[in-house]
C-alpha atoms as a PDB file:
ATOM      1  CA  UNK A   1     110.219-209.431-121.498  1.00  0.00           C
ATOM      2  CA  UNK A   2     111.843-206.029-121.241  1.00  0.00           C
ATOM      3  CA  UNK A   3     112.092-204.809-118.035  1.00  0.00           C
ATOM      4  CA  UNK A   4     113.191-201.064-117.835  1.00  0.00           C
ATOM      5  CA  UNK A   5     115.359-200.132-115.252  1.00  0.00           C
ATOM      6  CA  UNK A   6     114.238-197.320-112.527  1.00  0.00           C
ATOM      7  CA  UNK A   7     114.846-193.938-113.267  1.00  0.00           C
ATOM      8  CA  UNK A   8     117.756-192.218-111.373  1.00  0.00           C
ATOM      9  CA  UNK A   9     116.720-189.874-108.469  1.00  0.00           C
ATOM     10  CA  UNK A  10     115.763-186.468-109.837  1.00  0.00           C
ATOM     11  CA  UNK A  11     117.748-183.417-109.793  1.00  0.00           C
ATOM     12  CA  UNK A  12     114.958-181.306-108.567  1.00  0.00           C
ATOM     13  CA  UNK A  13     112.878-182.205-106.042  1.00  0.00           C
ATOM     14  CA  UNK A  14     109.945-180.807-104.075  1.00  0.00           C
ATOM     15  CA  UNK A  15     109.442-181.036-100.229  1.00  0.00           C
ATOM     16  CA  UNK A  16     105.650-181.106 -99.295  1.00  0.00           C
ATOM     17  CA  UNK A  17     104.858-180.183 -95.585  1.00  0.00           C
ATOM     18  CA  UNK A  18     101.953-181.881 -95.227  1.00  0.00           C
ATOM     19  CA  UNK A  19     101.510-180.945 -91.498  1.00  0.00           C
ATOM     20  CA  UNK A  20     101.702-177.549 -92.545  1.00  0.00           C
ATOM     21  CA  UNK A  21      99.039-177.862 -95.063  1.00  0.00           C
ATOM     22  CA  UNK A  22      96.533-179.794 -92.668  1.00  0.00           C
ATOM     23  CA  UNK A  23      97.449-176.669 -90.142  1.00  0.00           C
ATOM     24  CA  UNK A  24      96.522-174.431 -92.630  1.00  0.00           C
ATOM     25  CA  UNK A  25      93.232-176.240 -93.054  1.00  0.00           C
ATOM     26  CA  UNK A  26      92.283-176.050 -89.489  1.00  0.00           C
ATOM     27  CA  UNK A  27      93.538-172.410 -88.883  1.00  0.00           C
ATOM     28  CA  UNK A  28      91.018-171.600 -92.172  1.00  0.00           C
ATOM     29  CA  UNK A  29      88.370-173.603 -90.405  1.00  0.00           C
ATOM     30  CA  UNK A  30      88.828-172.112 -87.014  1.00  0.00           C
ATOM     31  CA  UNK A  31      88.359-168.632 -88.764  1.00  0.00           C
ATOM     32  CA  UNK A  32      84.902-169.547 -89.591  1.00  0.00           C
ATOM     33  CA  UNK A  33      83.698-171.543 -86.787  1.00  0.00           C
ATOM     34  CA  UNK A  34      80.299-171.555 -87.885  1.00  0.00           C
ATOM     35  CA  UNK A  35      80.653-172.792 -91.381  1.00  0.00           C
ATOM     36  CA  UNK A  36      81.999-176.314 -92.768  1.00  0.00           C
ATOM     37  CA  UNK A  37      85.234-175.343 -94.285  1.00  0.00           C
ATOM     38  CA  UNK A  38      86.118-177.236 -97.891  1.00  0.00           C
ATOM     39  CA  UNK A  39      89.099-177.404-100.261  1.00  0.00           C
ATOM     40  CA  UNK A  40      89.896-176.230-103.606  1.00  0.00           C
ATOM     41  CA  UNK A  41      91.927-179.106-104.975  1.00  0.00           C
ATOM     42  CA  UNK A  42      91.661-178.077-108.596  1.00  0.00           C
ATOM     43  CA  UNK A  43      94.601-178.120-110.931  1.00  0.00           C
ATOM     44  CA  UNK A  44      96.359-181.044-109.445  1.00  0.00           C
ATOM     45  CA  UNK A  45      96.025-179.404-106.034  1.00  0.00           C
ATOM     46  CA  UNK A  46      97.342-176.455-106.975  1.00  0.00           C
ATOM     47  CA  UNK A  47     100.144-178.346-108.613  1.00  0.00           C
ATOM     48  CA  UNK A  48     100.997-179.861-105.619  1.00  0.00           C
ATOM     49  CA  UNK A  49      99.719-183.311-106.059  1.00  0.00           C
ATOM     50  CA  UNK A  50      96.075-185.009-105.438  1.00  0.00           C
ATOM     51  CA  UNK A  51      97.589-188.046-104.142  1.00  0.00           C
ATOM     52  CA  UNK A  52      99.979-186.044-101.552  1.00  0.00           C
ATOM     53  CA  UNK A  53      97.101-183.169-100.913  1.00  0.00           C
ATOM     54  CA  UNK A  54      94.166-185.073-100.198  1.00  0.00           C
ATOM     55  CA  UNK A  55      95.097-187.586 -97.606  1.00  0.00           C
ATOM     56  CA  UNK A  56      96.226-184.640 -95.309  1.00  0.00           C
ATOM     57  CA  UNK A  57      93.176-182.694 -96.277  1.00  0.00           C
ATOM     58  CA  UNK A  58      90.629-185.482 -95.261  1.00  0.00           C
ATOM     59  CA  UNK A  59      92.670-186.410 -92.133  1.00  0.00           C
ATOM     60  CA  UNK A  60      92.675-182.775 -90.759  1.00  0.00           C
ATOM     61  CA  UNK A  61      88.875-182.963 -91.395  1.00  0.00           C
ATOM     62  CA  UNK A  62      87.862-181.599 -95.025  1.00  0.00           C
ATOM     63  CA  UNK A  63      84.886-183.266 -96.484  1.00  0.00           C
ATOM     64  CA  UNK A  64      83.915-180.905 -99.415  1.00  0.00           C
ATOM     65  CA  UNK A  65      86.171-180.828-102.667  1.00  0.00           C
ATOM     66  CA  UNK A  66      85.858-178.774-105.593  1.00  0.00           C
ATOM     67  CA  UNK A  67      87.630-179.013-108.977  1.00  0.00           C
ATOM     68  CA  UNK A  68      87.307-177.291-112.408  1.00  0.00           C
ATOM     69  CA  UNK A  69      87.249-180.140-115.159  1.00  0.00           C
ATOM     70  CA  UNK A  70      85.273-183.428-115.145  1.00  0.00           C
ATOM     71  CA  UNK A  71      88.851-184.974-116.172  1.00  0.00           C
ATOM     72  CA  UNK A  72      89.986-184.269-112.346  1.00  0.00           C
ATOM     73  CA  UNK A  73      87.232-185.894-110.838  1.00  0.00           C
ATOM     74  CA  UNK A  74      88.350-189.875-110.614  1.00  0.00           C
ATOM     75  CA  UNK A  75      91.978-189.173-108.931  1.00  0.00           C
ATOM     76  CA  UNK A  76      89.829-187.314-106.048  1.00  0.00           C
ATOM     77  CA  UNK A  77      87.355-189.404-105.963  1.00  0.00           C
ATOM     78  CA  UNK A  78      89.867-192.155-105.005  1.00  0.00           C
ATOM     79  CA  UNK A  79      90.836-190.284-102.098  1.00  0.00           C
ATOM     80  CA  UNK A  80      87.279-189.447-100.817  1.00  0.00           C
ATOM     81  CA  UNK A  81      84.697-192.094-101.537  1.00  0.00           C
ATOM     82  CA  UNK A  82      82.241-190.745 -99.245  1.00  0.00           C
ATOM     83  CA  UNK A  83      83.285-187.057 -99.650  1.00  0.00           C
ATOM     84  CA  UNK A  84      81.368-184.376-101.411  1.00  0.00           C
ATOM     85  CA  UNK A  85      83.134-183.201-104.833  1.00  0.00           C
ATOM     86  CA  UNK A  86      81.797-180.369-107.244  1.00  0.00           C
ATOM     87  CA  UNK A  87      82.842-179.567-110.965  1.00  0.00           C
ATOM     88  CA  UNK A  88      82.711-175.997-111.179  1.00  0.00           C
ATOM     89  CA  UNK A  89      82.650-175.537-114.875  1.00  0.00           C
ATOM     90  CA  UNK A  90      79.799-177.620-115.152  1.00  0.00           C
ATOM     91  CA  UNK A  91      78.216-179.640-117.717  1.00  0.00           C
ATOM     92  CA  UNK A  92      78.677-178.804-121.464  1.00  0.00           C
ATOM     93  CA  UNK A  93      77.246-182.864-122.518  1.00  0.00           C
ATOM     94  CA  UNK A  94      75.127-185.392-121.650  1.00  0.00           C
ATOM     95  CA  UNK A  95      78.213-187.183-121.290  1.00  0.00           C
ATOM     96  CA  UNK A  96      79.205-184.872-118.438  1.00  0.00           C
ATOM     97  CA  UNK A  97      75.526-185.493-116.981  1.00  0.00           C
ATOM     98  CA  UNK A  98      76.022-189.198-117.287  1.00  0.00           C
ATOM     99  CA  UNK A  99      79.125-189.242-115.737  1.00  0.00           C
ATOM    100  CA  UNK A 100      78.127-187.138-112.756  1.00  0.00           C
ATOM    101  CA  UNK A 101      75.257-189.097-111.914  1.00  0.00           C
ATOM    102  CA  UNK A 102      77.175-192.457-112.085  1.00  0.00           C
ATOM    103  CA  UNK A 103      79.678-191.070-109.632  1.00  0.00           C
ATOM    104  CA  UNK A 104      77.662-189.156-107.214  1.00  0.00           C
ATOM    105  CA  UNK A 105      79.574-185.938-107.747  1.00  0.00           C
ATOM    106  CA  UNK A 106      77.680-182.754-108.491  1.00  0.00           C
ATOM    107  CA  UNK A 107      77.627-180.227-111.367  1.00  0.00           C
ATOM    108  CA  UNK A 108      78.050-176.596-110.659  1.00  0.00           C
ATOM    109  CA  UNK A 109      75.341-175.206-112.714  1.00  0.00           C
ATOM    110  CA  UNK A 110      76.534-172.032-114.158  1.00  0.00           C
ATOM    111  CA  UNK A 111      73.735-171.059-116.892  1.00  0.00           C
ATOM    112  CA  UNK A 112      70.199-171.817-118.105  1.00  0.00           C
ATOM    113  CA  UNK A 113      71.540-174.059-120.826  1.00  0.00           C
ATOM    114  CA  UNK A 114      73.406-176.156-118.148  1.00  0.00           C
ATOM    115  CA  UNK A 115      70.148-176.443-116.101  1.00  0.00           C
ATOM    116  CA  UNK A 116      68.136-177.941-118.864  1.00  0.00           C
ATOM    117  CA  UNK A 117      70.697-180.014-119.502  1.00  0.00           C
ATOM    118  CA  UNK A 118      71.099-181.701-116.418  1.00  0.00           C
ATOM    119  CA  UNK A 119      67.194-181.533-116.157  1.00  0.00           C
ATOM    120  CA  UNK A 120      67.103-183.610-119.363  1.00  0.00           C
ATOM    121  CA  UNK A 121      69.487-185.937-118.210  1.00  0.00           C
ATOM    122  CA  UNK A 122      67.685-186.990-115.079  1.00  0.00           C
ATOM    123  CA  UNK A 123      68.681-183.935-112.781  1.00  0.00           C
ATOM    124  CA  UNK A 124      69.705-184.744-109.225  1.00  0.00           C
ATOM    125  CA  UNK A 125      71.620-182.850-106.723  1.00  0.00           C
ATOM    126  CA  UNK A 126      73.399-179.980-107.917  1.00  0.00           C
ATOM    127  CA  UNK A 127      75.118-177.009-106.825  1.00  0.00           C
ATOM    128  CA  UNK A 128      74.684-173.755-108.560  1.00  0.00           C
ATOM    129  CA  UNK A 129      77.046-170.661-109.519  1.00  0.00           C
ATOM    130  CA  UNK A 130      75.483-166.917-109.090  1.00  0.00           C
ATOM    131  CA  UNK A 131      77.360-164.285-110.977  1.00  0.00           C
ATOM    132  CA  UNK A 132      77.543-161.316-108.204  1.00  0.00           C
ATOM    133  CA  UNK A 133      79.820-159.185-110.222  1.00  0.00           C
ATOM    134  CA  UNK A 134      82.829-160.929-111.305  1.00  0.00           C
ATOM    135  CA  UNK A 135      81.422-161.586-114.803  1.00  0.00           C
ATOM    136  CA  UNK A 136      82.694-164.830-115.437  1.00  0.00           C
ATOM    137  CA  UNK A 137      80.656-168.233-114.658  1.00  0.00           C
ATOM    138  CA  UNK A 138      77.380-167.956-112.976  1.00  0.00           C
ATOM    139  CA  UNK A 139      73.843-166.863-113.468  1.00  0.00           C
ATOM    140  CA  UNK A 140      72.427-163.224-113.220  1.00  0.00           C
ATOM    141  CA  UNK A 141      70.014-162.472-110.797  1.00  0.00           C
ATOM    142  CA  UNK A 142      67.018-162.215-113.591  1.00  0.00           C
ATOM    143  CA  UNK A 143      68.018-165.691-114.630  1.00  0.00           C
ATOM    144  CA  UNK A 144      67.182-167.357-111.470  1.00  0.00           C
ATOM    145  CA  UNK A 145      63.888-167.217-112.269  1.00  0.00           C
ATOM    146  CA  UNK A 146      64.097-169.724-115.506  1.00  0.00           C
ATOM    147  CA  UNK A 147      61.619-172.498-114.992  1.00  0.00           C
ATOM    148  CA  UNK A 148      64.426-174.542-115.649  1.00  0.00           C
ATOM    149  CA  UNK A 149      66.606-173.118-112.618  1.00  0.00           C
ATOM    150  CA  UNK A 150      63.776-173.103-110.548  1.00  0.00           C
ATOM    151  CA  UNK A 151      63.299-176.874-110.852  1.00  0.00           C
ATOM    152  CA  UNK A 152      67.058-177.720-109.873  1.00  0.00           C
ATOM    153  CA  UNK A 153      67.795-179.828-106.773  1.00  0.00           C
ATOM    154  CA  UNK A 154      70.564-177.026-105.184  1.00  0.00           C
ATOM    155  CA  UNK A 155      72.748-178.489-102.499  1.00  0.00           C
ATOM    156  CA  UNK A 156      74.876-175.355-102.363  1.00  0.00           C
ATOM    157  CA  UNK A 157      74.238-172.065-103.709  1.00  0.00           C
ATOM    158  CA  UNK A 158      78.038-170.453-104.762  1.00  0.00           C
ATOM    159  CA  UNK A 159      79.317-167.336-105.778  1.00  0.00           C
ATOM    160  CA  UNK A 160      82.829-166.119-106.340  1.00  0.00           C
ATOM    161  CA  UNK A 161      84.570-162.857-104.807  1.00  0.00           C
ATOM    162  CA  UNK A 162      86.451-160.831-107.342  1.00  0.00           C
ATOM    163  CA  UNK A 163      88.066-158.576-105.288  1.00  0.00           C
ATOM    164  CA  UNK A 164      88.471-160.197-101.695  1.00  0.00           C
ATOM    165  CA  UNK A 165      92.125-159.708-101.946  1.00  0.00           C
ATOM    166  CA  UNK A 166      91.729-155.798-101.395  1.00  0.00           C
ATOM    167  CA  UNK A 167      89.489-153.704 -99.252  1.00  0.00           C
ATOM    168  CA  UNK A 168      87.446-152.955-102.171  1.00  0.00           C
ATOM    169  CA  UNK A 169      83.732-151.414-102.171  1.00  0.00           C
ATOM    170  CA  UNK A 170      83.026-154.471-104.577  1.00  0.00           C
ATOM    171  CA  UNK A 171      83.175-157.074-101.662  1.00  0.00           C
ATOM    172  CA  UNK A 172      79.972-155.554-100.359  1.00  0.00           C
ATOM    173  CA  UNK A 173      78.409-154.981-103.477  1.00  0.00           C
ATOM    174  CA  UNK A 174      79.043-158.602-104.348  1.00  0.00           C
ATOM    175  CA  UNK A 175      77.560-159.698-100.645  1.00  0.00           C
ATOM    176  CA  UNK A 176      74.571-157.902-100.941  1.00  0.00           C
ATOM    177  CA  UNK A 177      73.936-159.181-104.598  1.00  0.00           C
ATOM    178  CA  UNK A 178      74.612-162.771-103.104  1.00  0.00           C
ATOM    179  CA  UNK A 179      72.071-162.232-100.112  1.00  0.00           C
ATOM    180  CA  UNK A 180      69.320-161.527-102.664  1.00  0.00           C
ATOM    181  CA  UNK A 181      70.091-164.584-104.396  1.00  0.00           C
ATOM    182  CA  UNK A 182      69.869-166.421-101.448  1.00  0.00           C
ATOM    183  CA  UNK A 183      66.530-165.388-100.525  1.00  0.00           C
ATOM    184  CA  UNK A 184      65.462-165.857-104.150  1.00  0.00           C
ATOM    185  CA  UNK A 185      66.770-169.167-104.618  1.00  0.00           C
ATOM    186  CA  UNK A 186      66.132-172.393-101.918  1.00  0.00           C
ATOM    187  CA  UNK A 187      69.407-174.373-101.465  1.00  0.00           C
ATOM    188  CA  UNK A 188      70.501-176.412 -98.378  1.00  0.00           C
ATOM    189  CA  UNK A 189      73.801-174.250 -98.019  1.00  0.00           C
ATOM    190  CA  UNK A 190      75.445-171.347 -99.290  1.00  0.00           C
ATOM    191  CA  UNK A 191      78.800-170.430 -99.951  1.00  0.00           C
ATOM    192  CA  UNK A 192      81.039-167.437-101.207  1.00  0.00           C
ATOM    193  CA  UNK A 193      84.102-166.905 -99.345  1.00  0.00           C
ATOM    194  CA  UNK A 194      87.422-168.256-100.869  1.00  0.00           C
ATOM    195  CA  UNK A 195      90.850-168.008 -99.021  1.00  0.00           C
ATOM    196  CA  UNK A 196      90.453-164.281 -99.094  1.00  0.00           C
ATOM    197  CA  UNK A 197      86.816-163.802 -98.498  1.00  0.00           C
ATOM    198  CA  UNK A 198      87.564-165.994 -95.211  1.00  0.00           C
ATOM    199  CA  UNK A 199      89.709-163.042 -93.896  1.00  0.00           C
ATOM    200  CA  UNK A 200      86.975-160.639 -94.800  1.00  0.00           C
ATOM    201  CA  UNK A 201      84.759-162.064 -91.602  1.00  0.00           C
ATOM    202  CA  UNK A 202      81.863-163.665 -90.771  1.00  0.00           C
ATOM    203  CA  UNK A 203      79.140-161.833 -92.925  1.00  0.00           C
ATOM    204  CA  UNK A 204      80.934-163.690 -95.934  1.00  0.00           C
ATOM    205  CA  UNK A 205      81.252-167.025 -94.390  1.00  0.00           C
ATOM    206  CA  UNK A 206      77.720-168.155 -94.887  1.00  0.00           C
ATOM    207  CA  UNK A 207      77.286-172.225 -94.392  1.00  0.00           C
ATOM    208  CA  UNK A 208      80.397-173.561 -96.600  1.00  0.00           C
ATOM    209  CA  UNK A 209      83.941-171.890 -97.112  1.00  0.00           C
ATOM    210  CA  UNK A 210      86.128-172.746-100.210  1.00  0.00           C
ATOM    211  CA  UNK A 211      89.711-172.151 -99.547  1.00  0.00           C
ATOM    212  CA  UNK A 212      91.978-172.583-102.224  1.00  0.00           C
ATOM    213  CA  UNK A 213      95.652-170.738-102.061  1.00  0.00           C
ATOM    214  CA  UNK A 214      95.727-170.249 -98.376  1.00  0.00           C
ATOM    215  CA  UNK A 215      95.859-173.890 -98.004  1.00  0.00           C
ATOM    216  CA  UNK A 216      98.893-174.126-100.049  1.00  0.00           C
ATOM    217  CA  UNK A 217     100.577-171.510 -98.239  1.00  0.00           C
ATOM    218  CA  UNK A 218      99.409-168.091-100.057  1.00  0.00           C
ATOM    219  CA  UNK A 219      98.419-165.052 -97.744  1.00  0.00           C
ATOM    220  CA  UNK A 220      95.837-163.104 -99.623  1.00  0.00           C
ATOM    221  CA  UNK A 221      94.675-160.765 -97.039  1.00  0.00           C
ATOM    222  CA  UNK A 222      96.886-159.443 -93.628  1.00  0.00           C
ATOM    223  CA  UNK A 223      94.186-160.988 -91.430  1.00  0.00           C
ATOM    224  CA  UNK A 224      95.918-164.616 -92.401  1.00  0.00           C
ATOM    225  CA  UNK A 225      99.150-163.874 -92.120  1.00  0.00           C
ATOM    226  CA  UNK A 226     100.189-165.344 -88.675  1.00  0.00           C
ATOM    227  CA  UNK A 227      97.909-168.102 -89.128  1.00  0.00           C
ATOM    228  CA  UNK A 228      99.034-169.791 -92.601  1.00  0.00           C
ATOM    229  CA  UNK A 229     102.435-171.845 -93.136  1.00  0.00           C
ATOM    230  CA  UNK A 230     104.643-172.784 -96.134  1.00  0.00           C
ATOM    231  CA  UNK A 231     103.769-175.580 -97.626  1.00  0.00           C
ATOM    232  CA  UNK A 232     106.045-176.040-100.723  1.00  0.00           C
ATOM    233  CA  UNK A 233     109.864-175.900-100.368  1.00  0.00           C
ATOM    234  CA  UNK A 234     111.379-176.369-103.964  1.00  0.00           C
ATOM    235  CA  UNK A 235     115.349-177.645-104.203  1.00  0.00           C
ATOM    236  CA  UNK A 236     117.355-178.121-107.302  1.00  0.00           C
ATOM    237  CA  UNK A 237     120.926-179.686-107.558  1.00  0.00           C
ATOM    238  CA  UNK A 238     124.138-177.925-108.550  1.00  0.00           C
ATOM    239  CA  UNK A 239     124.797-179.842-112.249  1.00  0.00           C
ATOM    240  CA  UNK A 240     128.419-177.996-112.664  1.00  0.00           C
ATOM    241  CA  UNK A 241     130.840-175.851-111.300  1.00  0.00           C
ATOM    242  CA  UNK A 242     132.484-172.936-113.353  1.00  0.00           C
ATOM    243  CA  UNK A 243     135.326-170.401-112.644  1.00  0.00           C
ATOM    244  CA  UNK A 244     134.429-166.871-114.379  1.00  0.00           C
ATOM    245  CA  UNK A 245     137.388-164.545-115.313  1.00  0.00           C
ATOM    246  CA  UNK A 246     136.714-160.690-115.547  1.00  0.00           C
ATOM    247  CA  UNK A 247     134.707-160.036-118.796  1.00  0.00           C
ATOM    248  CA  UNK A 248     133.187-163.711-119.155  1.00  0.00           C
ATOM    249  CA  UNK A 249     129.637-163.398-119.975  1.00  0.00           C
ATOM    250  CA  UNK A 250     126.649-165.811-118.501  1.00  0.00           C
ATOM    251  CA  UNK A 251     123.404-166.838-120.397  1.00  0.00           C
ATOM    252  CA  UNK A 252     121.329-166.393-123.399  1.00  0.00           C
ATOM    253  CA  UNK A 253     121.919-162.442-124.588  1.00  0.00           C
ATOM    254  CA  UNK A 254     124.900-162.057-122.353  1.00  0.00           C
ATOM    255  CA  UNK A 255     123.089-160.014-119.724  1.00  0.00           C
ATOM    256  CA  UNK A 256     125.910-160.468-117.247  1.00  0.00           C
ATOM    257  CA  UNK A 257     129.540-159.858-117.604  1.00  0.00           C
ATOM    258  CA  UNK A 258     132.005-160.861-114.535  1.00  0.00           C
ATOM    259  CA  UNK A 259     133.986-157.773-113.701  1.00  0.00           C
ATOM    260  CA  UNK A 260     136.419-159.988-111.282  1.00  0.00           C
ATOM    261  CA  UNK A 261     137.431-163.722-111.056  1.00  0.00           C
ATOM    262  CA  UNK A 262     134.271-165.814-109.396  1.00  0.00           C
ATOM    263  CA  UNK A 263     133.198-169.149-108.457  1.00  0.00           C
ATOM    264  CA  UNK A 264     129.875-169.953-110.164  1.00  0.00           C
ATOM    265  CA  UNK A 265     127.237-172.989-110.258  1.00  0.00           C
ATOM    266  CA  UNK A 266     125.006-174.202-112.904  1.00  0.00           C
ATOM    267  CA  UNK A 267     121.680-175.409-111.094  1.00  0.00           C
ATOM    268  CA  UNK A 268     119.195-177.884-112.585  1.00  0.00           C
ATOM    269  CA  UNK A 269     116.206-175.827-112.484  1.00  0.00           C
ATOM    270  CA  UNK A 270     114.380-173.260-115.152  1.00  0.00           C
ATOM    271  CA  UNK A 271     111.067-171.878-116.617  1.00  0.00           C
ATOM    272  CA  UNK A 272     110.151-175.267-118.000  1.00  0.00           C
ATOM    273  CA  UNK A 273     110.053-176.131-113.918  1.00  0.00           C
ATOM    274  CA  UNK A 274     108.104-172.985-113.106  1.00  0.00           C
ATOM    275  CA  UNK A 275     110.990-170.905-112.344  1.00  0.00           C
ATOM    276  CA  UNK A 276     110.104-168.205-114.996  1.00  0.00           C
ATOM    277  CA  UNK A 277     112.526-165.902-116.911  1.00  0.00           C
ATOM    278  CA  UNK A 278     111.087-163.061-114.582  1.00  0.00           C
ATOM    279  CA  UNK A 279     113.420-164.079-112.215  1.00  0.00           C
ATOM    280  CA  UNK A 280     116.131-162.982-113.985  1.00  0.00           C
ATOM    281  CA  UNK A 281     118.394-160.095-112.148  1.00  0.00           C
ATOM    282  CA  UNK A 282     116.320-160.316-109.261  1.00  0.00           C
ATOM    283  CA  UNK A 283     116.294-163.759-108.157  1.00  0.00           C
ATOM    284  CA  UNK A 284     118.284-165.942-105.718  1.00  0.00           C
ATOM    285  CA  UNK A 285     118.794-169.315-104.220  1.00  0.00           C
ATOM    286  CA  UNK A 286     120.161-170.087-101.028  1.00  0.00           C
ATOM    287  CA  UNK A 287     122.608-172.559 -99.001  1.00  0.00           C
ATOM    288  CA  UNK A 288     122.059-172.977 -95.199  1.00  0.00           C
ATOM    289  CA  UNK A 289     120.289-169.272 -95.571  1.00  0.00           C
ATOM    290  CA  UNK A 290     122.990-167.776 -97.526  1.00  0.00           C
ATOM    291  CA  UNK A 291     121.766-166.080-100.604  1.00  0.00           C
ATOM    292  CA  UNK A 292     123.425-166.989-103.753  1.00  0.00           C
ATOM    293  CA  UNK A 293     122.310-164.481-106.448  1.00  0.00           C
ATOM    294  CA  UNK A 294     121.289-165.613-110.261  1.00  0.00           C
ATOM    295  CA  UNK A 295     123.816-164.335-112.829  1.00  0.00           C
ATOM    296  CA  UNK A 296     122.173-163.587-116.053  1.00  0.00           C
ATOM    297  CA  UNK A 297     118.968-164.978-117.478  1.00  0.00           C
ATOM    298  CA  UNK A 298     117.086-168.141-116.262  1.00  0.00           C
ATOM    299  CA  UNK A 299     117.291-170.736-119.389  1.00  0.00           C
ATOM    300  CA  UNK A 300     114.710-173.727-119.962  1.00  0.00           C
ATOM    301  CA  UNK A 301     116.303-176.072-117.986  1.00  0.00           C
ATOM    302  CA  UNK A 302     118.907-174.121-115.851  1.00  0.00           C
ATOM    303  CA  UNK A 303     120.326-171.281-113.962  1.00  0.00           C
ATOM    304  CA  UNK A 304     123.476-169.901-113.062  1.00  0.00           C
ATOM    305  CA  UNK A 305     124.140-168.467-109.314  1.00  0.00           C
ATOM    306  CA  UNK A 306     127.202-166.858-107.926  1.00  0.00           C
ATOM    307  CA  UNK A 307     128.767-168.778-105.189  1.00  0.00           C
ATOM    308  CA  UNK A 308     130.907-166.348-103.263  1.00  0.00           C
ATOM    309  CA  UNK A 309     128.823-166.524 -99.922  1.00  0.00           C
ATOM    310  CA  UNK A 310     129.085-170.596-100.387  1.00  0.00           C
ATOM    311  CA  UNK A 311     132.420-171.425-101.960  1.00  0.00           C
ATOM    312  CA  UNK A 312     132.368-174.840-100.502  1.00  0.00           C
ATOM    313  CA  UNK A 313     129.500-176.326-102.581  1.00  0.00           C
ATOM    314  CA  UNK A 314     130.137-179.043-105.057  1.00  0.00           C
ATOM    315  CA  UNK A 315     128.399-180.566-108.161  1.00  0.00           C
ATOM    316  CA  UNK A 316     125.287-182.722-106.323  1.00  0.00           C
ATOM    317  CA  UNK A 317     124.989-180.545-103.712  1.00  0.00           C
ATOM    318  CA  UNK A 318     121.374-179.301-103.110  1.00  0.00           C
ATOM    319  CA  UNK A 319     120.017-175.702-103.020  1.00  0.00           C
ATOM    320  CA  UNK A 320     117.056-174.157-101.739  1.00  0.00           C
ATOM    321  CA  UNK A 321     114.685-171.627-104.234  1.00  0.00           C
ATOM    322  CA  UNK A 322     112.930-169.602-101.421  1.00  0.00           C
ATOM    323  CA  UNK A 323     109.276-170.114-102.111  1.00  0.00           C
ATOM    324  CA  UNK A 324     107.465-168.338 -99.260  1.00  0.00           C
ATOM    325  CA  UNK A 325     104.513-167.360-101.444  1.00  0.00           C
ATOM    326  CA  UNK A 326     104.180-163.765-100.254  1.00  0.00           C
ATOM    327  CA  UNK A 327     107.687-162.839-100.276  1.00  0.00           C
ATOM    328  CA  UNK A 328     108.525-164.608-103.759  1.00  0.00           C
ATOM    329  CA  UNK A 329     105.192-163.068-105.356  1.00  0.00           C
ATOM    330  CA  UNK A 330     106.837-159.319-104.141  1.00  0.00           C
ATOM    331  CA  UNK A 331     110.260-160.172-105.492  1.00  0.00           C
ATOM    332  CA  UNK A 332     109.224-161.931-108.764  1.00  0.00           C
ATOM    333  CA  UNK A 333     106.267-159.955-109.752  1.00  0.00           C
ATOM    334  CA  UNK A 334     104.101-163.135-110.106  1.00  0.00           C
ATOM    335  CA  UNK A 335     100.687-163.728-108.165  1.00  0.00           C
ATOM    336  CA  UNK A 336     101.310-166.195-105.393  1.00  0.00           C
ATOM    337  CA  UNK A 337      98.369-168.434-107.446  1.00  0.00           C
ATOM    338  CA  UNK A 338     100.805-168.486-110.247  1.00  0.00           C
ATOM    339  CA  UNK A 339     103.788-169.289-108.133  1.00  0.00           C
ATOM    340  CA  UNK A 340     102.221-172.305-106.471  1.00  0.00           C
ATOM    341  CA  UNK A 341     100.565-173.858-109.617  1.00  0.00           C
ATOM    342  CA  UNK A 342     103.414-173.636-112.343  1.00  0.00           C
ATOM    343  CA  UNK A 343     105.501-175.803-110.297  1.00  0.00           C
ATOM    344  CA  UNK A 344     106.609-178.425-112.730  1.00  0.00           C
ATOM    345  CA  UNK A 345     106.094-181.999-112.925  1.00  0.00           C
ATOM    346  CA  UNK A 346     109.740-182.626-113.193  1.00  0.00           C
ATOM    347  CA  UNK A 347     110.258-181.675-109.317  1.00  0.00           C
ATOM    348  CA  UNK A 348     110.063-185.045-107.612  1.00  0.00           C
ATOM    349  CA  UNK A 349     108.178-184.862-104.516  1.00  0.00           C
ATOM    350  CA  UNK A 350     109.228-186.008-101.059  1.00  0.00           C
END
């Protein structure tokens, strides 16, 4: 019988600070002391790994979890057999309903079609999403009077804020619409605030908050700045050193030309790992806090950096990829959400 050897260590790694993750959940919980605090763990816990994130969140005190797809349920369920899991996209088929009833997870009902589908499958506890102005998933106010909706056994009545990361008039408008829905549709609990919504204050907290981004180090509002810690620390190894001469060009389309003799390093990270081309010409890796600017364009699997600030580095040495989400968002032009969810699976977690 064939026995394949174990893979060598990766030249990419992601250090996950689970203590910071737990501290972020507790900080968000303290912002809304009269509400329960859930956790969005969709998209493989925002790309950081359900198998790493869920134990830390459970130990911190989280009991309510949110995923987007039915295919995400089993991995989360393995870590919280007695917890509460809601599937935000809701059921589209009878098979979805049968799976929900068999596992005890709750579908989030977003339309009259889904309400009828759930009832026809035998019903049971579910959540309901109200569209209060984002015009994505959810029932409009007139639709909550539909007989199929009125027949639902609603655990949590939800809505989602569109502009909570801004001081926008839309926040108050959505709050007013959600309050109308709460008055018209009985439910055991009500939930409006995501991470940014928690920062908007008590009026938005209701019975349950649903942080996502801020659990993982994102700071969507200034009120959260001093409360949220960085969680993800990506690193990549140097795979080759190069001595450049004046006139040597680096990378695709020769966007960088050396004007002096310089030592450079080829580093094992690229856009296939979530370090996108937008970092070209503006990003820098680090060694012991020293900035090593990128030279030329980001490739699929590698970048080239200037070693003038760290001439002692050699092949196999590790470099830090600055990834404090608010600062990385400003530097790259990407949103904090994109930055955290696009980190590639080739990064070995430690």
